[in-house]
Full PDB file with SEQRES, HELIX, SHEET, SSBOND, CRYST1, ORIGX, SCALE, CONECT and MASTER records, all heavy atoms in Angstrom:
SEQRES   1 A   38  LYS ASP GLU ILE PRO GLU GLN LEU ALA ALA TRP VAL ARG          
SEQRES   2 A   38  GLN THR GLY VAL GLU CYS VAL THR LEU THR GLY GLY GLU          
SEQRES   3 A   38  PRO VAL LEU GLN PRO LEU LEU PRO ARG LEU VAL GLU              
HELIX    1 AA1 PRO A    5  THR A   15  1                                  11    
HELIX    2 AA2 PRO A   27  LEU A   29  5                                   3    
HELIX    3 AA3 LEU A   33  VAL A   37  1                                   5    
CRYST1    1.000    1.000    1.000  90.00  90.00  90.00 P 1           1          
ORIGX1      1.000000  0.000000  0.000000        0.00000                         
ORIGX2      0.000000  1.000000  0.000000        0.00000                         
ORIGX3      0.000000  0.000000  1.000000        0.00000                         
SCALE1      1.000000  0.000000  0.000000        0.00000                         
SCALE2      0.000000  1.000000  0.000000        0.00000                         
SCALE3      0.000000  0.000000  1.000000        0.00000                         
ATOM      1  N   LYS A   1     156.229 139.257  97.560  1.00  0.00           N  
ATOM      2  CA  LYS A   1     156.230 138.029  98.350  1.00  0.00           C  
ATOM      3  C   LYS A   1     154.811 137.493  98.380  1.00  0.00           C  
ATOM      4  O   LYS A   1     153.879 138.212  98.736  1.00  0.00           O  
ATOM      5  CB  LYS A   1     156.716 138.305  99.768  1.00  0.00           C  
ATOM      6  CG  LYS A   1     156.735 137.065 100.660  1.00  0.00           C  
ATOM      7  CD  LYS A   1     157.226 137.402 102.063  1.00  0.00           C  
ATOM      8  CE  LYS A   1     157.228 136.161 102.954  1.00  0.00           C  
ATOM      9  NZ  LYS A   1     157.668 136.488 104.345  1.00  0.00           N  
ATOM     10  N   ASP A   2     154.619 136.251  97.984  1.00  0.00           N  
ATOM     11  CA  ASP A   2     153.293 135.651  97.990  1.00  0.00           C  
ATOM     12  C   ASP A   2     152.932 135.217  99.406  1.00  0.00           C  
ATOM     13  O   ASP A   2     153.647 134.420 100.017  1.00  0.00           O  
ATOM     14  CB  ASP A   2     153.244 134.445  97.050  1.00  0.00           C  
ATOM     15  CG  ASP A   2     153.332 134.856  95.594  1.00  0.00           C  
ATOM     16  OD1 ASP A   2     152.903 135.984  95.272  1.00  0.00           O  
ATOM     17  OD2 ASP A   2     153.838 134.062  94.778  1.00  0.00           O  
ATOM     18  N   GLU A   3     151.813 135.754  99.906  1.00  0.00           N  
ATOM     19  CA  GLU A   3     151.364 135.417 101.255  1.00  0.00           C  
ATOM     20  C   GLU A   3     149.867 135.119 101.232  1.00  0.00           C  
ATOM     21  O   GLU A   3     149.121 135.680 100.440  1.00  0.00           O  
ATOM     22  CB  GLU A   3     151.655 136.562 102.224  1.00  0.00           C  
ATOM     23  CG  GLU A   3     153.140 136.904 102.328  1.00  0.00           C  
ATOM     24  CD  GLU A   3     153.450 137.756 103.541  1.00  0.00           C  
ATOM     25  OE1 GLU A   3     153.239 137.264 104.670  1.00  0.00           O  
ATOM     26  OE2 GLU A   3     153.900 138.899 103.357  1.00  0.00           O  
ATOM     27  N   ILE A   4     149.441 134.235 102.124  1.00  0.00           N  
ATOM     28  CA  ILE A   4     148.025 133.906 102.217  1.00  0.00           C  
ATOM     29  C   ILE A   4     147.353 134.901 103.167  1.00  0.00           C  
ATOM     30  O   ILE A   4     148.003 135.510 104.022  1.00  0.00           O  
ATOM     31  CB  ILE A   4     147.815 132.461 102.698  1.00  0.00           C  
ATOM     32  CG1 ILE A   4     148.369 132.259 104.113  1.00  0.00           C  
ATOM     33  CG2 ILE A   4     148.441 131.470 101.719  1.00  0.00           C  
ATOM     34  CD1 ILE A   4     148.048 130.876 104.687  1.00  0.00           C  
ATOM     35  N   PRO A   5     146.049 135.089 103.020  1.00  0.00           N  
ATOM     36  CA  PRO A   5     145.345 136.047 103.882  1.00  0.00           C  
ATOM     37  C   PRO A   5     145.552 135.771 105.370  1.00  0.00           C  
ATOM     38  O   PRO A   5     145.670 136.719 106.166  1.00  0.00           O  
ATOM     39  CB  PRO A   5     143.879 135.875 103.478  1.00  0.00           C  
ATOM     40  CG  PRO A   5     143.951 135.455 102.047  1.00  0.00           C  
ATOM     41  CD  PRO A   5     145.149 134.562 101.954  1.00  0.00           C  
ATOM     42  N   GLU A   6     145.604 134.509 105.755  1.00  0.00           N  
ATOM     43  CA  GLU A   6     145.797 134.173 107.169  1.00  0.00           C  
ATOM     44  C   GLU A   6     147.139 134.662 107.690  1.00  0.00           C  
ATOM     45  O   GLU A   6     147.250 135.112 108.842  1.00  0.00           O  
ATOM     46  CB  GLU A   6     145.643 132.667 107.365  1.00  0.00           C  
ATOM     47  CG  GLU A   6     144.216 132.147 107.227  1.00  0.00           C  
ATOM     48  CD  GLU A   6     143.738 132.030 105.791  1.00  0.00           C  
ATOM     49  OE1 GLU A   6     144.563 132.220 104.851  1.00  0.00           O  
ATOM     50  OE2 GLU A   6     142.541 131.756 105.589  1.00  0.00           O  
ATOM     51  N   GLN A   7     148.175 134.590 106.854  1.00  0.00           N  
ATOM     52  CA  GLN A   7     149.487 135.097 107.262  1.00  0.00           C  
ATOM     53  C   GLN A   7     149.447 136.606 107.479  1.00  0.00           C  
ATOM     54  O   GLN A   7     150.029 137.128 108.435  1.00  0.00           O  
ATOM     55  CB  GLN A   7     150.537 134.769 106.199  1.00  0.00           C  
ATOM     56  CG  GLN A   7     150.985 133.327 106.143  1.00  0.00           C  
ATOM     57  CD  GLN A   7     151.941 133.091 104.998  1.00  0.00           C  
ATOM     58  OE1 GLN A   7     151.636 133.407 103.844  1.00  0.00           O  
ATOM     59  NE2 GLN A   7     153.109 132.555 105.302  1.00  0.00           N  
ATOM     60  N   LEU A   8     148.779 137.298 106.591  1.00  0.00           N  
ATOM     61  CA  LEU A   8     148.704 138.748 106.698  1.00  0.00           C  
ATOM     62  C   LEU A   8     147.899 139.175 107.918  1.00  0.00           C  
ATOM     63  O   LEU A   8     148.276 140.124 108.616  1.00  0.00           O  
ATOM     64  CB  LEU A   8     148.097 139.324 105.421  1.00  0.00           C  
ATOM     65  CG  LEU A   8     148.940 139.117 104.157  1.00  0.00           C  
ATOM     66  CD1 LEU A   8     148.169 139.549 102.922  1.00  0.00           C  
ATOM     67  CD2 LEU A   8     150.258 139.874 104.269  1.00  0.00           C  
ATOM     68  N   ALA A   9     146.810 138.472 108.201  1.00  0.00           N  
ATOM     69  CA  ALA A   9     146.025 138.791 109.389  1.00  0.00           C  
ATOM     70  C   ALA A   9     146.835 138.541 110.659  1.00  0.00           C  
ATOM     71  O   ALA A   9     146.757 139.313 111.618  1.00  0.00           O  
ATOM     72  CB  ALA A   9     144.736 137.967 109.403  1.00  0.00           C  
ATOM     73  N   ALA A  10     147.630 137.468 110.656  1.00  0.00           N  
ATOM     74  CA  ALA A  10     148.472 137.172 111.819  1.00  0.00           C  
ATOM     75  C   ALA A  10     149.525 138.255 112.009  1.00  0.00           C  
ATOM     76  O   ALA A  10     149.826 138.657 113.146  1.00  0.00           O  
ATOM     77  CB  ALA A  10     149.129 135.803 111.654  1.00  0.00           C  
ATOM     78  N   TRP A  11     150.094 138.749 110.911  1.00  0.00           N  
ATOM     79  CA  TRP A  11     151.094 139.821 111.013  1.00  0.00           C  
ATOM     80  C   TRP A  11     150.465 141.088 111.588  1.00  0.00           C  
ATOM     81  O   TRP A  11     151.057 141.733 112.459  1.00  0.00           O  
ATOM     82  CB  TRP A  11     151.692 140.114 109.641  1.00  0.00           C  
ATOM     83  CG  TRP A  11     152.592 141.313 109.669  1.00  0.00           C  
ATOM     84  CD1 TRP A  11     153.854 141.391 110.183  1.00  0.00           C  
ATOM     85  CD2 TRP A  11     152.260 142.641 109.223  1.00  0.00           C  
ATOM     86  NE1 TRP A  11     154.333 142.680 110.066  1.00  0.00           N  
ATOM     87  CE2 TRP A  11     153.381 143.452 109.489  1.00  0.00           C  
ATOM     88  CE3 TRP A  11     151.132 143.194 108.624  1.00  0.00           C  
ATOM     89  CZ2 TRP A  11     153.397 144.806 109.160  1.00  0.00           C  
ATOM     90  CZ3 TRP A  11     151.156 144.543 108.296  1.00  0.00           C  
ATOM     91  CH2 TRP A  11     152.267 145.337 108.571  1.00  0.00           C  
ATOM     92  N   VAL A  12     149.273 141.443 111.106  1.00  0.00           N  
ATOM     93  CA  VAL A  12     148.587 142.624 111.641  1.00  0.00           C  
ATOM     94  C   VAL A  12     148.369 142.471 113.142  1.00  0.00           C  
ATOM     95  O   VAL A  12     148.585 143.409 113.918  1.00  0.00           O  
ATOM     96  CB  VAL A  12     147.252 142.846 110.910  1.00  0.00           C  
ATOM     97  CG1 VAL A  12     146.410 143.897 111.646  1.00  0.00           C  
ATOM     98  CG2 VAL A  12     147.488 143.277 109.476  1.00  0.00           C  
ATOM     99  N   ARG A  13     147.968 141.284 113.563  1.00  0.00           N  
ATOM    100  CA  ARG A  13     147.755 141.034 114.991  1.00  0.00           C  
ATOM    101  C   ARG A  13     149.039 141.285 115.789  1.00  0.00           C  
ATOM    102  O   ARG A  13     149.008 141.863 116.873  1.00  0.00           O  
ATOM    103  CB  ARG A  13     147.269 139.593 115.179  1.00  0.00           C  
ATOM    104  CG  ARG A  13     146.774 139.258 116.589  1.00  0.00           C  
ATOM    105  CD  ARG A  13     146.387 137.788 116.675  1.00  0.00           C  
ATOM    106  NE  ARG A  13     145.536 137.377 115.563  1.00  0.00           N  
ATOM    107  CZ  ARG A  13     145.828 136.369 114.740  1.00  0.00           C  
ATOM    108  NH1 ARG A  13     146.926 135.654 114.905  1.00  0.00           N  
ATOM    109  NH2 ARG A  13     145.000 136.062 113.750  1.00  0.00           N  
ATOM    110  N   GLN A  14     150.154 140.882 115.243  1.00  0.00           N  
ATOM    111  CA  GLN A  14     151.437 141.033 115.934  1.00  0.00           C  
ATOM    112  C   GLN A  14     151.888 142.487 116.030  1.00  0.00           C  
ATOM    113  O   GLN A  14     152.649 142.842 116.928  1.00  0.00           O  
ATOM    114  CB  GLN A  14     152.509 140.208 115.230  1.00  0.00           C  
ATOM    115  CG  GLN A  14     152.301 138.700 115.321  1.00  0.00           C  
ATOM    116  CD  GLN A  14     153.199 137.927 114.372  1.00  0.00           C  
ATOM    117  OE1 GLN A  14     154.051 138.505 113.688  1.00  0.00           O  
ATOM    118  NE2 GLN A  14     153.009 136.621 114.318  1.00  0.00           N  
ATOM    119  N   THR A  15     151.428 143.335 115.115  1.00  0.00           N  
ATOM    120  CA  THR A  15     151.863 144.736 115.156  1.00  0.00           C  
ATOM    121  C   THR A  15     151.309 145.484 116.358  1.00  0.00           C  
ATOM    122  O   THR A  15     151.894 146.475 116.810  1.00  0.00           O  
ATOM    123  CB  THR A  15     151.426 145.484 113.883  1.00  0.00           C  
ATOM    124  OG1 THR A  15     149.984 145.583 113.847  1.00  0.00           O  
ATOM    125  CG2 THR A  15     151.942 144.795 112.634  1.00  0.00           C  
ATOM    126  N   GLY A  16     150.149 145.059 116.859  1.00  0.00           N  
ATOM    127  CA  GLY A  16     149.570 145.723 118.023  1.00  0.00           C  
ATOM    128  C   GLY A  16     148.938 147.065 117.740  1.00  0.00           C  
ATOM    129  O   GLY A  16     148.704 147.850 118.668  1.00  0.00           O  
ATOM    130  N   VAL A  17     148.622 147.376 116.451  1.00  0.00           N  
ATOM    131  CA  VAL A  17     147.972 148.648 116.126  1.00  0.00           C  
ATOM    132  C   VAL A  17     146.521 148.394 115.724  1.00  0.00           C  
ATOM    133  O   VAL A  17     146.148 147.280 115.358  1.00  0.00           O  
ATOM    134  CB  VAL A  17     148.716 149.397 114.998  1.00  0.00           C  
ATOM    135  CG1 VAL A  17     150.137 149.719 115.415  1.00  0.00           C  
ATOM    136  CG2 VAL A  17     148.701 148.590 113.713  1.00  0.00           C  
ATOM    137  N   GLU A  18     145.711 149.441 115.792  1.00  0.00           N  
ATOM    138  CA  GLU A  18     144.280 149.306 115.514  1.00  0.00           C  
ATOM    139  C   GLU A  18     143.905 149.651 114.077  1.00  0.00           C  
ATOM    140  O   GLU A  18     142.877 149.191 113.585  1.00  0.00           O  
ATOM    141  CB  GLU A  18     143.468 150.197 116.459  1.00  0.00           C  
ATOM    142  CG  GLU A  18     143.421 149.689 117.882  1.00  0.00           C  
ATOM    143  CD  GLU A  18     142.426 150.455 118.727  1.00  0.00           C  
ATOM    144  OE1 GLU A  18     142.110 151.616 118.384  1.00  0.00           O  
ATOM    145  OE2 GLU A  18     141.955 149.901 119.729  1.00  0.00           O  
ATOM    146  N   CYS A  19     144.718 150.470 113.406  1.00  0.00           N  
ATOM    147  CA  CYS A  19     144.407 150.888 112.042  1.00  0.00           C  
ATOM    148  C   CYS A  19     145.179 150.021 111.043  1.00  0.00           C  
ATOM    149  O   CYS A  19     146.371 149.767 111.226  1.00  0.00           O  
ATOM    150  CB  CYS A  19     144.768 152.350 111.823  1.00  0.00           C  
ATOM    151  SG  CYS A  19     143.796 153.508 112.815  1.00  0.00           S  
ATOM    152  N   VAL A  20     144.480 149.580 110.009  1.00  0.00           N  
ATOM    153  CA  VAL A  20     145.097 148.785 108.951  1.00  0.00           C  
ATOM    154  C   VAL A  20     144.780 149.453 107.621  1.00  0.00           C  
ATOM    155  O   VAL A  20     143.615 149.779 107.351  1.00  0.00           O  
ATOM    156  CB  VAL A  20     144.562 147.341 108.935  1.00  0.00           C  
ATOM    157  CG1 VAL A  20     145.280 146.517 107.872  1.00  0.00           C  
ATOM    158  CG2 VAL A  20     144.696 146.694 110.298  1.00  0.00           C  
ATOM    159  N   THR A  21     145.799 149.661 106.796  1.00  0.00           N  
ATOM    160  CA  THR A  21     145.606 150.259 105.481  1.00  0.00           C  
ATOM    161  C   THR A  21     146.025 149.266 104.413  1.00  0.00           C  
ATOM    162  O   THR A  21     147.178 148.828 104.387  1.00  0.00           O  
ATOM    163  CB  THR A  21     146.420 151.560 105.337  1.00  0.00           C  
ATOM    164  OG1 THR A  21     145.990 152.499 106.326  1.00  0.00           O  
ATOM    165  CG2 THR A  21     146.214 152.172 103.961  1.00  0.00           C  
ATOM    166  N   LEU A  22     145.085 148.918 103.546  1.00  0.00           N  
ATOM    167  CA  LEU A  22     145.345 148.020 102.423  1.00  0.00           C  
ATOM    168  C   LEU A  22     145.467 148.884 101.185  1.00  0.00           C  
ATOM    169  O   LEU A  22     144.533 149.607 100.814  1.00  0.00           O  
ATOM    170  CB  LEU A  22     144.203 147.015 102.276  1.00  0.00           C  
ATOM    171  CG  LEU A  22     143.873 146.214 103.540  1.00  0.00           C  
ATOM    172  CD1 LEU A  22     142.672 145.306 103.306  1.00  0.00           C  
ATOM    173  CD2 LEU A  22     145.069 145.410 104.014  1.00  0.00           C  
ATOM    174  N   THR A  23     146.633 148.840 100.536  1.00  0.00           N  
ATOM    175  CA  THR A  23     146.920 149.789  99.485  1.00  0.00           C  
ATOM    176  C   THR A  23     147.667 149.108  98.353  1.00  0.00           C  
ATOM    177  O   THR A  23     147.789 147.902  98.302  1.00  0.00           O  
ATOM    178  CB  THR A  23     147.693 151.000 100.068  1.00  0.00           C  
ATOM    179  OG1 THR A  23     147.836 152.011  99.080  1.00  0.00           O  
ATOM    180  CG2 THR A  23     149.053 150.603 100.624  1.00  0.00           C  
ATOM    181  N   GLY A  24     148.192 149.889  97.439  1.00  0.00           N  
ATOM    182  CA  GLY A  24     148.900 149.323  96.297  1.00  0.00           C  
ATOM    183  C   GLY A  24     149.740 150.377  95.625  1.00  0.00           C  
ATOM    184  O   GLY A  24     150.214 151.307  96.288  1.00  0.00           O  
ATOM    185  N   GLY A  25     149.785 150.256  94.327  1.00  0.00           N  
ATOM    186  CA  GLY A  25     148.939 149.453  93.465  1.00  0.00           C  
ATOM    187  C   GLY A  25     147.458 149.703  93.686  1.00  0.00           C  
ATOM    188  O   GLY A  25     147.045 150.712  94.211  1.00  0.00           O  
ATOM    189  N   GLU A  26     146.700 148.701  93.255  1.00  0.00           N  
ATOM    190  CA  GLU A  26     145.260 148.742  93.432  1.00  0.00           C  
ATOM    191  C   GLU A  26     144.799 147.474  94.145  1.00  0.00           C  
ATOM    192  O   GLU A  26     144.657 146.416  93.523  1.00  0.00           O  
ATOM    193  CB  GLU A  26     144.560 148.884  92.079  1.00  0.00           C  
ATOM    194  CG  GLU A  26     143.052 148.856  92.161  1.00  0.00           C  
ATOM    195  CD  GLU A  26     142.506 149.704  93.299  1.00  0.00           C  
ATOM    196  OE1 GLU A  26     142.742 150.931  93.294  1.00  0.00           O  
ATOM    197  OE2 GLU A  26     141.857 149.140  94.205  1.00  0.00           O  
ATOM    198  N   PRO A  27     144.558 147.555  95.455  1.00  0.00           N  
ATOM    199  CA  PRO A  27     144.227 146.356  96.224  1.00  0.00           C  
ATOM    200  C   PRO A  27     142.914 145.694  95.827  1.00  0.00           C  
ATOM    201  O   PRO A  27     142.768 144.481  95.956  1.00  0.00           O  
ATOM    202  CB  PRO A  27     144.177 146.864  97.667  1.00  0.00           C  
ATOM    203  CG  PRO A  27     143.893 148.320  97.551  1.00  0.00           C  
ATOM    204  CD  PRO A  27     144.604 148.763  96.309  1.00  0.00           C  
ATOM    205  N   VAL A  28     141.947 146.485  95.336  1.00  0.00           N  
ATOM    206  CA  VAL A  28     140.631 145.922  95.030  1.00  0.00           C  
ATOM    207  C   VAL A  28     140.707 144.893  93.902  1.00  0.00           C  
ATOM    208  O   VAL A  28     139.842 144.022  93.783  1.00  0.00           O  
ATOM    209  CB  VAL A  28     139.642 147.052  94.689  1.00  0.00           C  
ATOM    210  CG1 VAL A  28     138.300 146.524  94.208  1.00  0.00           C  
ATOM    211  CG2 VAL A  28     139.437 147.940  95.918  1.00  0.00           C  
ATOM    212  N   LEU A  29     141.746 144.931  93.089  1.00  0.00           N  
ATOM    213  CA  LEU A  29     141.894 143.974  91.998  1.00  0.00           C  
ATOM    214  C   LEU A  29     142.397 142.610  92.473  1.00  0.00           C  
ATOM    215  O   LEU A  29     142.426 141.666  91.680  1.00  0.00           O  
ATOM    216  CB  LEU A  29     142.854 144.527  90.949  1.00  0.00           C  
ATOM    217  CG  LEU A  29     142.405 145.822  90.262  1.00  0.00           C  
ATOM    218  CD1 LEU A  29     143.463 146.279  89.277  1.00  0.00           C  
ATOM    219  CD2 LEU A  29     141.062 145.645  89.569  1.00  0.00           C  
ATOM    220  N   GLN A  30     142.776 142.495  93.741  1.00  0.00           N  
ATOM    221  CA  GLN A  30     143.256 141.215  94.257  1.00  0.00           C  
ATOM    222  C   GLN A  30     142.066 140.288  94.530  1.00  0.00           C  
ATOM    223  O   GLN A  30     141.184 140.615  95.325  1.00  0.00           O  
ATOM    224  CB  GLN A  30     144.060 141.426  95.548  1.00  0.00           C  
ATOM    225  CG  GLN A  30     145.305 142.279  95.370  1.00  0.00           C  
ATOM    226  CD  GLN A  30     146.277 141.668  94.384  1.00  0.00           C  
ATOM    227  OE1 GLN A  30     146.366 140.440  94.252  1.00  0.00           O  
ATOM    228  NE2 GLN A  30     147.010 142.516  93.688  1.00  0.00           N  
ATOM    229  N   PRO A  31     142.021 139.110  93.899  1.00  0.00           N  
ATOM    230  CA  PRO A  31     140.872 138.211  94.071  1.00  0.00           C  
ATOM    231  C   PRO A  31     140.617 137.802  95.519  1.00  0.00           C  
ATOM    232  O   PRO A  31     139.475 137.537  95.894  1.00  0.00           O  
ATOM    233  CB  PRO A  31     141.250 136.994  93.219  1.00  0.00           C  
ATOM    234  CG  PRO A  31     142.201 137.515  92.196  1.00  0.00           C  
ATOM    235  CD  PRO A  31     142.987 138.582  92.902  1.00  0.00           C  
ATOM    236  N   LEU A  32     141.663 137.745  96.339  1.00  0.00           N  
ATOM    237  CA  LEU A  32     141.505 137.272  97.710  1.00  0.00           C  
ATOM    238  C   LEU A  32     141.309 138.409  98.713  1.00  0.00           C  
ATOM    239  O   LEU A  32     141.273 138.164  99.918  1.00  0.00           O  
ATOM    240  CB  LEU A  32     142.718 136.442  98.131  1.00  0.00           C  
ATOM    241  CG  LEU A  32     142.916 135.138  97.349  1.00  0.00           C  
ATOM    242  CD1 LEU A  32     144.183 134.425  97.799  1.00  0.00           C  
ATOM    243  CD2 LEU A  32     141.725 134.222  97.500  1.00  0.00           C  
ATOM    244  N   LEU A  33     141.145 139.626  98.224  1.00  0.00           N  
ATOM    245  CA  LEU A  33     140.981 140.741  99.159  1.00  0.00           C  
ATOM    246  C   LEU A  33     139.756 140.586 100.053  1.00  0.00           C  
ATOM    247  O   LEU A  33     139.847 140.843 101.262  1.00  0.00           O  
ATOM    248  CB  LEU A  33     140.917 142.069  98.402  1.00  0.00           C  
ATOM    249  CG  LEU A  33     140.957 143.299  99.312  1.00  0.00           C  
ATOM    250  CD1 LEU A  33     142.311 143.454  99.986  1.00  0.00           C  
ATOM    251  CD2 LEU A  33     140.608 144.566  98.536  1.00  0.00           C  
ATOM    252  N   PRO A  34     138.587 140.172  99.548  1.00  0.00           N  
ATOM    253  CA  PRO A  34     137.432 140.004 100.453  1.00  0.00           C  
ATOM    254  C   PRO A  34     137.727 139.031 101.597  1.00  0.00           C  
ATOM    255  O   PRO A  34     137.277 139.263 102.729  1.00  0.00           O  
ATOM    256  CB  PRO A  34     136.334 139.479  99.525  1.00  0.00           C  
ATOM    257  CG  PRO A  34     136.684 140.026  98.187  1.00  0.00           C  
ATOM    258  CD  PRO A  34     138.189 139.968  98.136  1.00  0.00           C  
ATOM    259  N   ARG A  35     138.456 137.960 101.322  1.00  0.00           N  
ATOM    260  CA  ARG A  35     138.813 137.003 102.376  1.00  0.00           C  
ATOM    261  C   ARG A  35     139.693 137.666 103.434  1.00  0.00           C  
ATOM    262  O   ARG A  35     139.462 137.509 104.642  1.00  0.00           O  
ATOM    263  CB  ARG A  35     139.540 135.804 101.759  1.00  0.00           C  
ATOM    264  CG  ARG A  35     140.178 134.845 102.761  1.00  0.00           C  
ATOM    265  CD  ARG A  35     139.152 134.224 103.686  1.00  0.00           C  
ATOM    266  NE  ARG A  35     139.765 133.275 104.609  1.00  0.00           N  
ATOM    267  CZ  ARG A  35     139.185 132.844 105.728  1.00  0.00           C  
ATOM    268  NH1 ARG A  35     137.981 133.299 106.062  1.00  0.00           N  
ATOM    269  NH2 ARG A  35     139.786 131.983 106.516  1.00  0.00           N  
ATOM    270  N   LEU A  36     140.682 138.436 102.991  1.00  0.00           N  
ATOM    271  CA  LEU A  36     141.550 139.129 103.941  1.00  0.00           C  
ATOM    272  C   LEU A  36     140.754 140.131 104.766  1.00  0.00           C  
ATOM    273  O   LEU A  36     140.918 140.216 105.997  1.00  0.00           O  
ATOM    274  CB  LEU A  36     142.679 139.843 103.197  1.00  0.00           C  
ATOM    275  CG  LEU A  36     143.594 140.719 104.057  1.00  0.00           C  
ATOM    276  CD1 LEU A  36     144.276 139.912 105.151  1.00  0.00           C  
ATOM    277  CD2 LEU A  36     144.619 141.439 103.188  1.00  0.00           C  
ATOM    278  N   VAL A  37     139.891 140.896 104.123  1.00  0.00           N  
ATOM    279  CA  VAL A  37     139.088 141.896 104.838  1.00  0.00           C  
ATOM    280  C   VAL A  37     138.220 141.224 105.894  1.00  0.00           C  
ATOM    281  O   VAL A  37     138.123 141.703 107.033  1.00  0.00           O  
ATOM    282  CB  VAL A  37     138.228 142.688 103.843  1.00  0.00           C  
ATOM    283  CG1 VAL A  37     137.178 143.522 104.585  1.00  0.00           C  
ATOM    284  CG2 VAL A  37     139.101 143.588 102.985  1.00  0.00           C  
ATOM    285  N   GLU A  38     137.608 140.105 105.548  1.00  0.00           N  
ATOM    286  CA  GLU A  38     136.747 139.415 106.498  1.00  0.00           C  
ATOM    287  C   GLU A  38     137.544 138.930 107.713  1.00  0.00           C  
ATOM    288  O   GLU A  38     137.078 139.034 108.854  1.00  0.00           O  
ATOM    289  CB  GLU A  38     136.058 138.239 105.813  1.00  0.00           C  
ATOM    290  CG  GLU A  38     134.838 137.727 106.539  1.00  0.00           C  
ATOM    291  CD  GLU A  38     133.905 136.927 105.652  1.00  0.00           C  
ATOM    292  OE1 GLU A  38     134.234 136.697 104.471  1.00  0.00           O  
ATOM    293  OE2 GLU A  38     132.835 136.536 106.166  1.00  0.00           O  
TER     294      GLU A  38                                                      
MASTER        0    0    0    3    0    0    0    6  293    1    0    3          
END                                                                             
């Protein structure tokens, strides 16, 4: 499912947890990963 970094950050906020794991596959190959991390 194609999602923008803002959507993913909003979903994390809704989960109410403190730990976030970005995985794959290989997440570092995603061009927009730095934006999501920030």
